[in-house]
Amino acid sequence: MIKVSHLSKIYKMDGLQTTALSDVSFIVHKGEFVAIMGPSGSGKSTLMHILGALDLPTSGEYYLDNRNVSQLSDDELADIRNRQIGFVFQAYNLLPRTTALKNVILPMVYAGVPKEKRLAKAKKYLTMVGLADRMEHYSNQLSGGQQQRVAIARALVNDPKIILADEPTGNLATAQGQEIMKIFQKLNQEGHTIVMITHEPSIAKYAKRVINLRDGKIVADKK
């Protein structure tokens, strides 16, 4: 599903260069649940941006479902972000004065899903994450845990190849975070491929495999 081969990312500014990733290689198979861990500055956020087609590597290659993402145009990258990758962010990234239902429908509008299918799919996934009775609530009327559930439903509606979760419990209390991780576990058991960034060992343990980064390099990869 994902193949990262000798990936490096170097940032240049004012004549100085910083190596964020250095010769990183790994494979994620369909149906895996992988956590990427590391301290601040380890390169995990840079790696997440590349996996999410939000940035390109300086060198090396990234394949998603046998397609070389590292060589695509901006339009092709935007299409992959919308159709093949489901994002779940620490800050939820919901529209605040919009209902949960409309937040989940929006990605399908951009993807060209027929109007008659959008509502049914949005209701299906909101029900799946336990928000059947909160669909018409505005985002700012929901708790943090509920907002993250909306974000998960939104990530699923376009049937992505992978779900990328960037510190998905970072803004949540411990109990809410555990509930969110149980949803991810259930999704993985149903066959979804999940790659998650986290700095918390207690969250990483929900994954089936943990890749540790330090100073832009993989220092451990354990199942």
Protein backbone atom coordinates (compact mmCIF):
# COMPACT_ATOMS: atom_id res chain seq x y z
CA MET A 1 0.00 0.00 0.00
CA ILE A 2 2.80 2.43 0.97
CA LYS A 3 6.42 2.13 -0.09
CA VAL A 4 8.94 4.74 1.06
CA SER A 5 12.37 4.31 -0.50
CA HIS A 6 15.50 6.25 0.59
CA LEU A 7 13.45 9.34 1.39
CA SER A 8 15.23 12.53 2.39
CA LYS A 9 13.95 16.05 3.01
CA ILE A 10 16.26 19.05 3.30
CA TYR A 11 15.01 22.55 4.04
CA LYS A 12 17.13 25.49 2.85
CA MET A 13 16.77 28.99 4.27
CA ASP A 14 19.13 31.97 4.25
CA GLY A 15 22.01 29.87 3.05
CA LEU A 16 21.53 27.28 5.78
CA GLN A 17 20.14 23.79 5.33
CA THR A 18 18.39 21.52 7.78
CA THR A 19 17.96 17.80 7.20
CA ALA A 20 14.50 16.78 8.42
CA LEU A 21 14.57 13.24 6.98
CA SER A 22 17.59 11.19 5.96
CA ASP A 23 17.44 7.99 3.90
CA VAL A 24 14.15 6.73 5.33
CA SER A 25 12.77 3.47 3.90
CA PHE A 26 9.82 1.31 4.96
CA ILE A 27 6.74 -0.48 3.62
CA VAL A 28 3.19 -0.40 4.99
CA HIS A 29 1.01 -3.25 3.78
CA LYS A 30 -2.72 -3.04 3.19
CA GLY A 31 -4.62 -3.43 6.46
CA GLU A 32 -1.74 -2.46 8.77
CA PHE A 33 -2.05 -0.07 11.70
CA VAL A 34 1.29 1.72 12.11
CA ALA A 35 2.28 4.33 14.68
CA ILE A 36 5.19 6.67 13.90
CA MET A 37 6.81 7.95 17.09
CA GLY A 38 9.61 10.33 17.91
CA PRO A 39 10.53 13.38 19.96
CA SER A 40 10.01 16.93 18.74
CA GLY A 41 12.30 17.55 15.76
CA SER A 42 12.62 13.87 14.88
CA GLY A 43 11.08 14.33 11.43
CA LYS A 44 7.73 12.66 12.06
CA SER A 45 5.63 15.66 11.02
CA THR A 46 7.70 16.11 7.85
CA LEU A 47 7.18 12.44 7.05
CA MET A 48 3.42 12.78 7.64
CA HIS A 49 3.28 15.75 5.24
CA ILE A 50 5.01 13.70 2.54
CA LEU A 51 2.78 10.66 3.12
CA GLY A 52 -0.24 12.98 2.94
CA ALA A 53 0.90 14.44 -0.41
CA LEU A 54 1.18 17.84 1.29
CA ASP A 55 4.91 18.09 0.56
CA LEU A 56 7.46 16.45 -1.71
CA PRO A 57 10.77 14.84 -0.71
CA THR A 58 14.12 16.31 -1.70
CA SER A 59 15.22 12.86 -2.84
CA GLY A 60 13.92 9.32 -2.73
CA GLU A 61 10.52 7.95 -3.70
CA TYR A 62 7.10 7.50 -2.13
CA TYR A 63 4.63 5.08 -3.71
CA LEU A 64 0.96 4.95 -2.72
CA ASP A 65 -0.88 1.97 -4.16
CA ASN A 66 1.91 1.50 -6.76
CA ARG A 67 1.77 5.15 -7.87
CA ASN A 68 4.90 7.30 -7.51
CA VAL A 69 3.52 10.24 -5.52
CA SER A 70 6.92 11.96 -5.36
CA GLN A 71 6.73 12.77 -9.09
CA LEU A 72 3.15 14.04 -9.40
CA SER A 73 1.93 17.51 -10.36
CA ASP A 74 0.16 19.83 -7.91
CA ASP A 75 -3.24 18.94 -9.43
CA GLU A 76 -2.51 15.22 -9.19
CA LEU A 77 -1.40 15.63 -5.57
CA ALA A 78 -4.62 17.50 -4.74
CA ASP A 79 -6.65 14.69 -6.28
CA ILE A 80 -4.82 12.08 -4.20
CA ARG A 81 -5.38 14.11 -1.02
CA ASN A 82 -9.09 14.29 -1.70
CA ARG A 83 -9.80 10.81 -2.98
CA GLN A 84 -7.17 8.42 -1.61
CA ILE A 85 -6.13 9.80 1.79
CA GLY A 86 -8.35 10.39 4.81
CA PHE A 87 -6.87 12.95 7.21
CA VAL A 88 -7.51 13.18 10.95
CA PHE A 89 -5.74 16.12 12.61
CA GLN A 90 -5.04 17.01 16.24
CA ALA A 91 -7.06 20.23 15.90
CA TYR A 92 -10.01 18.49 14.14
CA ASN A 93 -10.05 21.16 11.34
CA LEU A 94 -13.85 21.33 11.22
CA LEU A 95 -15.86 24.33 10.03
CA PRO A 96 -17.13 25.76 13.35
CA ARG A 97 -20.51 27.21 12.34
CA THR A 98 -21.42 24.20 10.24
CA THR A 99 -23.27 21.06 11.32
CA ALA A 100 -21.51 17.75 11.80
CA LEU A 101 -23.46 16.42 8.83
CA LYS A 102 -22.35 19.21 6.48
CA ASN A 103 -18.73 18.91 7.64
CA VAL A 104 -18.77 15.25 6.62
CA ILE A 105 -20.56 15.92 3.32
CA LEU A 106 -18.07 18.57 2.15
CA PRO A 107 -15.22 16.27 0.96
CA MET A 108 -17.72 14.37 -1.18
CA VAL A 109 -18.75 17.61 -2.91
CA TYR A 110 -15.12 18.21 -3.93
CA ALA A 111 -14.76 14.59 -5.01
CA GLY A 112 -17.81 14.81 -7.28
CA VAL A 113 -19.92 12.26 -5.40
CA PRO A 114 -23.53 12.46 -6.69
CA LYS A 115 -25.76 14.54 -4.42
CA GLU A 116 -28.16 11.69 -3.65
CA LYS A 117 -25.30 9.55 -2.29
CA ARG A 118 -23.67 12.21 -0.11
CA LEU A 119 -26.33 12.39 2.60
CA ALA A 120 -26.63 8.62 2.98
CA LYS A 121 -22.86 8.14 3.25
CA ALA A 122 -22.45 11.00 5.72
CA LYS A 123 -25.21 9.61 7.96
CA LYS A 124 -23.72 6.11 7.71
CA TYR A 125 -20.28 7.18 8.93
CA LEU A 126 -21.54 9.55 11.62
CA THR A 127 -23.66 6.68 12.95
CA MET A 128 -20.62 4.40 12.78
CA VAL A 129 -18.63 6.74 15.07
CA GLY A 130 -21.51 7.05 17.54
CA LEU A 131 -22.94 10.44 16.54
CA ALA A 132 -26.35 9.47 15.16
CA ASP A 133 -27.98 11.89 17.61
CA ARG A 134 -25.54 14.77 16.98
CA MET A 135 -25.66 15.14 13.18
CA GLU A 136 -27.42 18.52 13.22
CA HIS A 137 -25.26 19.97 15.99
CA TYR A 138 -22.76 22.64 15.00
CA SER A 139 -19.09 21.80 15.52
CA ASN A 140 -18.74 24.40 18.27
CA GLN A 141 -21.60 22.71 20.15
CA LEU A 142 -19.69 19.42 20.35
CA SER A 143 -17.07 18.25 22.84
CA GLY A 144 -13.50 17.67 21.69
CA GLY A 145 -14.04 13.93 21.53
CA GLN A 146 -17.21 14.37 19.49
CA GLN A 147 -15.46 16.76 17.11
CA GLN A 148 -12.72 14.19 16.54
CA ARG A 149 -15.40 11.58 15.80
CA VAL A 150 -16.81 13.93 13.14
CA ALA A 151 -13.29 14.29 11.73
CA ILE A 152 -12.94 10.50 11.54
CA ALA A 153 -16.29 10.19 9.75
CA ARG A 154 -15.18 12.93 7.34
CA ALA A 155 -11.92 11.05 6.68
CA LEU A 156 -13.82 7.90 5.73
CA VAL A 157 -16.51 9.16 3.35
CA ASN A 158 -14.43 9.07 0.16
CA ASP A 159 -13.29 5.47 0.84
CA PRO A 160 -9.58 6.37 1.13
CA LYS A 161 -6.71 3.97 0.55
CA ILE A 162 -5.15 5.06 3.84
CA ILE A 163 -6.11 7.04 6.93
CA LEU A 164 -3.42 9.43 8.19
CA ALA A 165 -3.90 10.53 11.79
CA ASP A 166 -1.64 13.29 13.12
CA GLU A 167 -1.65 13.30 16.96
CA PRO A 168 -5.39 12.44 16.91
CA THR A 169 -5.70 12.44 20.71
CA GLY A 170 -3.39 15.40 21.38
CA ASN A 171 -6.19 17.78 22.40
CA LEU A 172 -8.27 15.24 24.31
CA ALA A 173 -8.55 14.09 27.89
CA THR A 174 -7.30 10.56 28.57
CA ALA A 175 -10.75 8.90 28.55
CA GLN A 176 -11.76 10.67 25.31
CA GLY A 177 -8.46 9.70 23.73
CA GLN A 178 -9.00 6.06 24.61
CA GLU A 179 -12.45 6.15 23.02
CA ILE A 180 -10.99 7.60 19.81
CA MET A 181 -8.27 4.95 19.72
CA LYS A 182 -10.88 2.20 20.10
CA ILE A 183 -12.59 3.61 17.00
CA PHE A 184 -9.29 3.43 15.10
CA GLN A 185 -8.77 -0.15 16.29
CA LYS A 186 -12.23 -1.10 15.08
CA LEU A 187 -11.61 0.54 11.69
CA ASN A 188 -8.36 -1.38 11.38
CA GLN A 189 -10.10 -4.64 12.25
CA GLU A 190 -12.52 -3.87 9.41
CA GLY A 191 -9.59 -3.63 6.98
CA HIS A 192 -8.63 0.04 6.97
CA THR A 193 -4.94 0.91 6.62
CA ILE A 194 -3.95 3.48 9.27
CA VAL A 195 -0.73 5.44 9.78
CA MET A 196 -0.68 7.54 12.95
CA ILE A 197 1.77 10.11 14.28
CA THR A 198 2.02 10.27 18.07
CA HIS A 199 4.55 11.10 20.77
CA GLU A 200 2.63 9.16 23.44
CA PRO A 201 3.61 5.51 24.11
CA SER A 202 0.17 4.88 25.66
CA ILE A 203 -1.44 5.82 22.32
CA ALA A 204 1.11 4.03 20.13
CA LYS A 205 0.32 0.74 21.89
CA TYR A 206 -3.04 0.65 20.09
CA ALA A 207 -1.17 0.18 16.79
CA LYS A 208 0.15 -3.19 15.66
CA ARG A 209 3.53 -1.78 14.62
CA VAL A 210 5.62 1.16 15.84
CA ILE A 211 8.26 2.99 13.79
CA ASN A 212 10.56 5.20 15.88
CA LEU A 213 12.25 8.23 14.35
CA ARG A 214 15.16 10.20 15.76
CA ASP A 215 17.10 12.96 14.02
CA GLY A 216 15.34 12.19 10.74
CA LYS A 217 16.23 8.49 10.70
CA ILE A 218 14.41 5.29 11.60
CA VAL A 219 15.97 3.87 14.77
CA ALA A 220 13.43 1.09 15.43
CA ASP A 221 10.60 -0.69 13.62
CA LYS A 222 8.79 -3.18 15.83
CA LYS A 223 5.57 -5.20 15.67
